[in-house]
Amino acid sequence: MKILPAEAGDLPAILALQKIAFESEARLVGNYEIPPMTQTLADLEQEFSGLVMLKAVMDDGEIVGSVRAKIEKGTAHVGRLMVKPGLQRQGIGSRLLAAIEKACAQNRHELFTSVKSHRNVALYEKAGYRAFKEAEVMPGVRLVWLEKKEEFEKVED
C-alpha cells in the first residue's frame, strides 16, 4: 500500500469510499444527514482545489483510504479520515494521519469526531491529539475537537 496525493480523477472513488466508510459513523450517531453522507461529487470537486488530499492505494490501484486538510491561519484542519471497512484497524488510518500532518507541516493540527466514536478518539489521542472542546452541532450529534501542537526547535548558527 502507498500513500499518494489525490488527483481530481480520484474524486468519484474517494466520494464512494467516504459514503461506505462514514455509514458506521452515521449509524453510531443515529443521523444519516451528517456532512460526509450528504456531500455530492460537485461539492467535493469545488472543495478539492483548496485542500491537501491524500489517498491510500493498494498495489492493484484500489483506493482504500483518504484524508484531507485545509490550512488556515497556521492551523491544519484535518478532515474526513477514512479507511475502507474490512481494512480498518490495520494501521492505514494512522499512516494517513501521519502523512497529512507531514504534508501540512504546521505548528497546530486540529480535527473533530463524534464523542461517541471511541475508536476514533483513541486513534487521535495515540497520535498526540488532545480534546479542547465539545459541542452539539445537529440534534443528537455531539462532536469533540482535538488538537496537536508541534514545538519546532529553533536552530541557531
C-alpha atoms as a PDB file:
ATOM      1  CA  MET A   1       0.000   0.000   0.000  1.00  0.00           C
ATOM      2  CA  LYS A   2       1.167   3.503  -0.854  1.00  0.00           C
ATOM      3  CA  ILE A   3       0.004   6.919   0.314  1.00  0.00           C
ATOM      4  CA  LEU A   4      -0.070   9.400  -2.547  1.00  0.00           C
ATOM      5  CA  PRO A   5      -1.534  12.815  -3.327  1.00  0.00           C
ATOM      6  CA  ALA A   6      -5.097  12.507  -4.606  1.00  0.00           C
ATOM      7  CA  GLU A   7      -5.869  13.756  -8.101  1.00  0.00           C
ATOM      8  CA  ALA A   8      -9.091  15.216  -9.480  1.00  0.00           C
ATOM      9  CA  GLY A   9      -9.792  11.941 -11.286  1.00  0.00           C
ATOM     10  CA  ASP A  10      -9.786  10.115  -7.936  1.00  0.00           C
ATOM     11  CA  LEU A  11     -12.678  12.128  -6.517  1.00  0.00           C
ATOM     12  CA  PRO A  12     -15.537   9.810  -7.591  1.00  0.00           C
ATOM     13  CA  ALA A  13     -13.783   6.810  -5.972  1.00  0.00           C
ATOM     14  CA  ILE A  14     -12.939   8.810  -2.834  1.00  0.00           C
ATOM     15  CA  LEU A  15     -16.532  10.023  -2.504  1.00  0.00           C
ATOM     16  CA  ALA A  16     -17.837   6.450  -2.901  1.00  0.00           C
ATOM     17  CA  LEU A  17     -15.371   5.291  -0.233  1.00  0.00           C
ATOM     18  CA  GLN A  18     -16.452   8.176   2.005  1.00  0.00           C
ATOM     19  CA  LYS A  19     -20.094   7.068   1.847  1.00  0.00           C
ATOM     20  CA  ILE A  20     -19.311   3.479   2.864  1.00  0.00           C
ATOM     21  CA  ALA A  21     -16.684   4.444   5.446  1.00  0.00           C
ATOM     22  CA  PHE A  22     -18.893   7.010   7.196  1.00  0.00           C
ATOM     23  CA  GLU A  23     -22.012   4.814   7.172  1.00  0.00           C
ATOM     24  CA  SER A  24     -20.955   3.315  10.510  1.00  0.00           C
ATOM     25  CA  GLU A  25     -20.482   6.817  11.929  1.00  0.00           C
ATOM     26  CA  ALA A  26     -23.954   7.854  10.740  1.00  0.00           C
ATOM     27  CA  ARG A  27     -25.407   4.730  12.332  1.00  0.00           C
ATOM     28  CA  LEU A  28     -23.483   5.412  15.562  1.00  0.00           C
ATOM     29  CA  VAL A  29     -24.879   8.940  15.917  1.00  0.00           C
ATOM     30  CA  GLY A  30     -28.294   7.971  14.541  1.00  0.00           C
ATOM     31  CA  ASN A  31     -28.222  10.589  11.789  1.00  0.00           C
ATOM     32  CA  TYR A  32     -27.626   9.881   8.099  1.00  0.00           C
ATOM     33  CA  GLU A  33     -27.669  13.606   7.292  1.00  0.00           C
ATOM     34  CA  ILE A  34     -24.118  14.193   8.557  1.00  0.00           C
ATOM     35  CA  PRO A  35     -21.992  16.075   6.000  1.00  0.00           C
ATOM     36  CA  PRO A  36     -19.827  13.102   4.897  1.00  0.00           C
ATOM     37  CA  MET A  37     -23.019  11.265   3.901  1.00  0.00           C
ATOM     38  CA  THR A  38     -24.672  14.166   2.090  1.00  0.00           C
ATOM     39  CA  GLN A  39     -21.651  15.581   0.232  1.00  0.00           C
ATOM     40  CA  THR A  40     -22.046  15.451  -3.549  1.00  0.00           C
ATOM     41  CA  LEU A  41     -19.374  14.985  -6.182  1.00  0.00           C
ATOM     42  CA  ALA A  42     -19.907  18.609  -7.277  1.00  0.00           C
ATOM     43  CA  ASP A  43     -19.322  19.745  -3.673  1.00  0.00           C
ATOM     44  CA  LEU A  44     -16.138  17.695  -3.427  1.00  0.00           C
ATOM     45  CA  GLU A  45     -14.853  18.921  -6.796  1.00  0.00           C
ATOM     46  CA  GLN A  46     -15.424  22.523  -5.727  1.00  0.00           C
ATOM     47  CA  GLU A  47     -13.674  21.937  -2.391  1.00  0.00           C
ATOM     48  CA  PHE A  48     -10.742  19.987  -3.885  1.00  0.00           C
ATOM     49  CA  SER A  49      -8.624  22.910  -5.134  1.00  0.00           C
ATOM     50  CA  GLY A  50      -8.394  24.385  -1.620  1.00  0.00           C
ATOM     51  CA  LEU A  51      -7.339  21.137   0.050  1.00  0.00           C
ATOM     52  CA  VAL A  52      -4.389  18.878   0.516  1.00  0.00           C
ATOM     53  CA  MET A  53      -5.865  15.431  -0.099  1.00  0.00           C
ATOM     54  CA  LEU A  54      -4.111  12.101   0.190  1.00  0.00           C
ATOM     55  CA  LYS A  55      -5.166   8.598  -0.776  1.00  0.00           C
ATOM     56  CA  ALA A  56      -4.116   5.140   0.395  1.00  0.00           C
ATOM     57  CA  VAL A  57      -3.767   2.897  -2.648  1.00  0.00           C
ATOM     58  CA  MET A  58      -3.348  -0.866  -2.783  1.00  0.00           C
ATOM     59  CA  ASP A  59      -0.943  -2.476  -5.247  1.00  0.00           C
ATOM     60  CA  ASP A  60      -3.873  -3.173  -7.596  1.00  0.00           C
ATOM     61  CA  GLY A  61      -4.755   0.559  -7.684  1.00  0.00           C
ATOM     62  CA  GLU A  62      -7.797   0.378  -5.390  1.00  0.00           C
ATOM     63  CA  ILE A  63      -8.206   3.454  -3.173  1.00  0.00           C
ATOM     64  CA  VAL A  64      -8.814   2.115   0.345  1.00  0.00           C
ATOM     65  CA  GLY A  65      -8.338   5.264   2.403  1.00  0.00           C
ATOM     66  CA  SER A  66      -8.190   9.017   2.236  1.00  0.00           C
ATOM     67  CA  VAL A  67      -7.709  12.112   4.348  1.00  0.00           C
ATOM     68  CA  ARG A  68      -7.808  15.821   3.609  1.00  0.00           C
ATOM     69  CA  ALA A  69      -6.715  19.032   5.262  1.00  0.00           C
ATOM     70  CA  LYS A  70      -7.037  22.748   4.786  1.00  0.00           C
ATOM     71  CA  ILE A  71      -4.517  25.190   6.190  1.00  0.00           C
ATOM     72  CA  GLU A  72      -5.892  28.368   7.745  1.00  0.00           C
ATOM     73  CA  LYS A  73      -4.005  30.824   9.959  1.00  0.00           C
ATOM     74  CA  GLY A  74      -1.212  28.418  10.886  1.00  0.00           C
ATOM     75  CA  THR A  75      -3.536  25.503  11.670  1.00  0.00           C
ATOM     76  CA  ALA A  76      -4.006  22.432   9.518  1.00  0.00           C
ATOM     77  CA  HIS A  77      -7.670  21.443   9.798  1.00  0.00           C
ATOM     78  CA  VAL A  78      -7.660  17.686   9.190  1.00  0.00           C
ATOM     79  CA  GLY A  79     -10.869  16.122   7.958  1.00  0.00           C
ATOM     80  CA  ARG A  80     -12.593  13.061   6.610  1.00  0.00           C
ATOM     81  CA  LEU A  81     -10.010  10.482   7.595  1.00  0.00           C
ATOM     82  CA  MET A  82     -11.453   7.256   6.199  1.00  0.00           C
ATOM     83  CA  VAL A  83     -10.468   3.651   5.650  1.00  0.00           C
ATOM     84  CA  LYS A  84     -12.454   1.052   3.763  1.00  0.00           C
ATOM     85  CA  PRO A  85     -14.491  -1.120   6.131  1.00  0.00           C
ATOM     86  CA  GLY A  86     -12.822  -4.506   6.405  1.00  0.00           C
ATOM     87  CA  LEU A  87      -9.370  -2.917   6.260  1.00  0.00           C
ATOM     88  CA  GLN A  88      -9.769  -0.838   9.405  1.00  0.00           C
ATOM     89  CA  ARG A  89      -7.622  -1.474  12.481  1.00  0.00           C
ATOM     90  CA  GLN A  90      -4.597  -2.352  10.339  1.00  0.00           C
ATOM     91  CA  GLY A  91      -2.705   0.942  10.706  1.00  0.00           C
ATOM     92  CA  ILE A  92      -3.883   2.569   7.472  1.00  0.00           C
ATOM     93  CA  GLY A  93      -5.670   5.383   9.324  1.00  0.00           C
ATOM     94  CA  SER A  94      -2.602   6.051  11.470  1.00  0.00           C
ATOM     95  CA  ARG A  95      -0.396   6.159   8.379  1.00  0.00           C
ATOM     96  CA  LEU A  96      -2.784   8.546   6.621  1.00  0.00           C
ATOM     97  CA  LEU A  97      -2.912  10.810   9.673  1.00  0.00           C
ATOM     98  CA  ALA A  98       0.894  10.938   9.931  1.00  0.00           C
ATOM     99  CA  ALA A  99       1.162  11.590   6.192  1.00  0.00           C
ATOM    100  CA  ILE A 100      -1.301  14.504   6.205  1.00  0.00           C
ATOM    101  CA  GLU A 101       0.472  16.022   9.221  1.00  0.00           C
ATOM    102  CA  LYS A 102       3.746  15.841   7.290  1.00  0.00           C
ATOM    103  CA  ALA A 103       2.187  17.188   4.078  1.00  0.00           C
ATOM    104  CA  CYS A 104       0.655  20.087   6.039  1.00  0.00           C
ATOM    105  CA  ALA A 105       3.505  20.841   8.431  1.00  0.00           C
ATOM    106  CA  GLN A 106       2.105  23.457  10.798  1.00  0.00           C
ATOM    107  CA  ASN A 107       2.553  24.290  14.472  1.00  0.00           C
ATOM    108  CA  ARG A 108      -1.008  23.121  15.115  1.00  0.00           C
ATOM    109  CA  HIS A 109      -3.284  20.441  13.694  1.00  0.00           C
ATOM    110  CA  GLU A 110      -6.973  20.269  14.550  1.00  0.00           C
ATOM    111  CA  LEU A 111      -9.695  17.730  13.831  1.00  0.00           C
ATOM    112  CA  PHE A 112     -13.051  16.615  15.164  1.00  0.00           C
ATOM    113  CA  THR A 113     -15.122  13.472  15.529  1.00  0.00           C
ATOM    114  CA  SER A 114     -18.251  12.308  17.301  1.00  0.00           C
ATOM    115  CA  VAL A 115     -17.938  11.968  21.055  1.00  0.00           C
ATOM    116  CA  LYS A 116     -19.447   8.502  20.521  1.00  0.00           C
ATOM    117  CA  SER A 117     -16.556   7.483  18.221  1.00  0.00           C
ATOM    118  CA  HIS A 118     -14.369   5.988  20.918  1.00  0.00           C
ATOM    119  CA  ARG A 119     -12.117   4.213  18.388  1.00  0.00           C
ATOM    120  CA  ASN A 120     -11.513   7.479  16.532  1.00  0.00           C
ATOM    121  CA  VAL A 121     -10.796   9.404  19.726  1.00  0.00           C
ATOM    122  CA  ALA A 122      -8.354   6.685  20.821  1.00  0.00           C
ATOM    123  CA  LEU A 123      -6.576   6.811  17.434  1.00  0.00           C
ATOM    124  CA  TYR A 124      -6.184  10.583  17.639  1.00  0.00           C
ATOM    125  CA  GLU A 125      -5.051  10.565  21.266  1.00  0.00           C
ATOM    126  CA  LYS A 126      -2.463   7.884  20.452  1.00  0.00           C
ATOM    127  CA  ALA A 127      -1.173  10.226  17.716  1.00  0.00           C
ATOM    128  CA  GLY A 128      -0.766  13.048  20.268  1.00  0.00           C
ATOM    129  CA  TYR A 129      -4.065  14.923  19.912  1.00  0.00           C
ATOM    130  CA  ARG A 130      -5.851  16.306  22.965  1.00  0.00           C
ATOM    131  CA  ALA A 131      -9.528  17.298  23.285  1.00  0.00           C
ATOM    132  CA  PHE A 132     -10.172  21.004  23.759  1.00  0.00           C
ATOM    133  CA  LYS A 133     -13.910  21.488  23.181  1.00  0.00           C
ATOM    134  CA  GLU A 134     -17.234  19.734  22.625  1.00  0.00           C
ATOM    135  CA  ALA A 135     -20.451  20.965  21.044  1.00  0.00           C
ATOM    136  CA  GLU A 136     -23.758  19.657  19.715  1.00  0.00           C
ATOM    137  CA  VAL A 137     -23.793  20.568  16.007  1.00  0.00           C
ATOM    138  CA  MET A 138     -27.001  18.813  14.932  1.00  0.00           C
ATOM    139  CA  PRO A 139     -29.793  17.311  17.029  1.00  0.00           C
ATOM    140  CA  GLY A 140     -28.195  14.315  18.741  1.00  0.00           C
ATOM    141  CA  VAL A 141     -24.800  14.850  17.100  1.00  0.00           C
ATOM    142  CA  ARG A 142     -22.173  15.950  19.607  1.00  0.00           C
ATOM    143  CA  LEU A 143     -18.632  16.478  18.378  1.00  0.00           C
ATOM    144  CA  VAL A 144     -15.301  16.689  20.160  1.00  0.00           C
ATOM    145  CA  TRP A 145     -12.486  18.830  18.738  1.00  0.00           C
ATOM    146  CA  LEU A 146      -8.915  17.693  19.263  1.00  0.00           C
ATOM    147  CA  GLU A 147      -5.649  19.493  18.627  1.00  0.00           C
ATOM    148  CA  LYS A 148      -2.000  18.623  18.338  1.00  0.00           C
ATOM    149  CA  LYS A 149       0.593  21.314  18.841  1.00  0.00           C
ATOM    150  CA  GLU A 150       4.107  20.924  17.499  1.00  0.00           C
ATOM    151  CA  GLU A 151       7.052  22.614  19.089  1.00  0.00           C
ATOM    152  CA  PHE A 152       9.715  23.217  16.484  1.00  0.00           C
ATOM    153  CA  GLU A 153      13.244  23.615  17.764  1.00  0.00           C
ATOM    154  CA  LYS A 154      14.950  26.842  16.824  1.00  0.00           C
ATOM    155  CA  VAL A 155      18.239  26.268  15.075  1.00  0.00           C
ATOM    156  CA  GLU A 156      20.850  28.884  15.800  1.00  0.00           C
ATOM    157  CA  ASP A 157      24.034  29.385  13.812  1.00  0.00           C
END
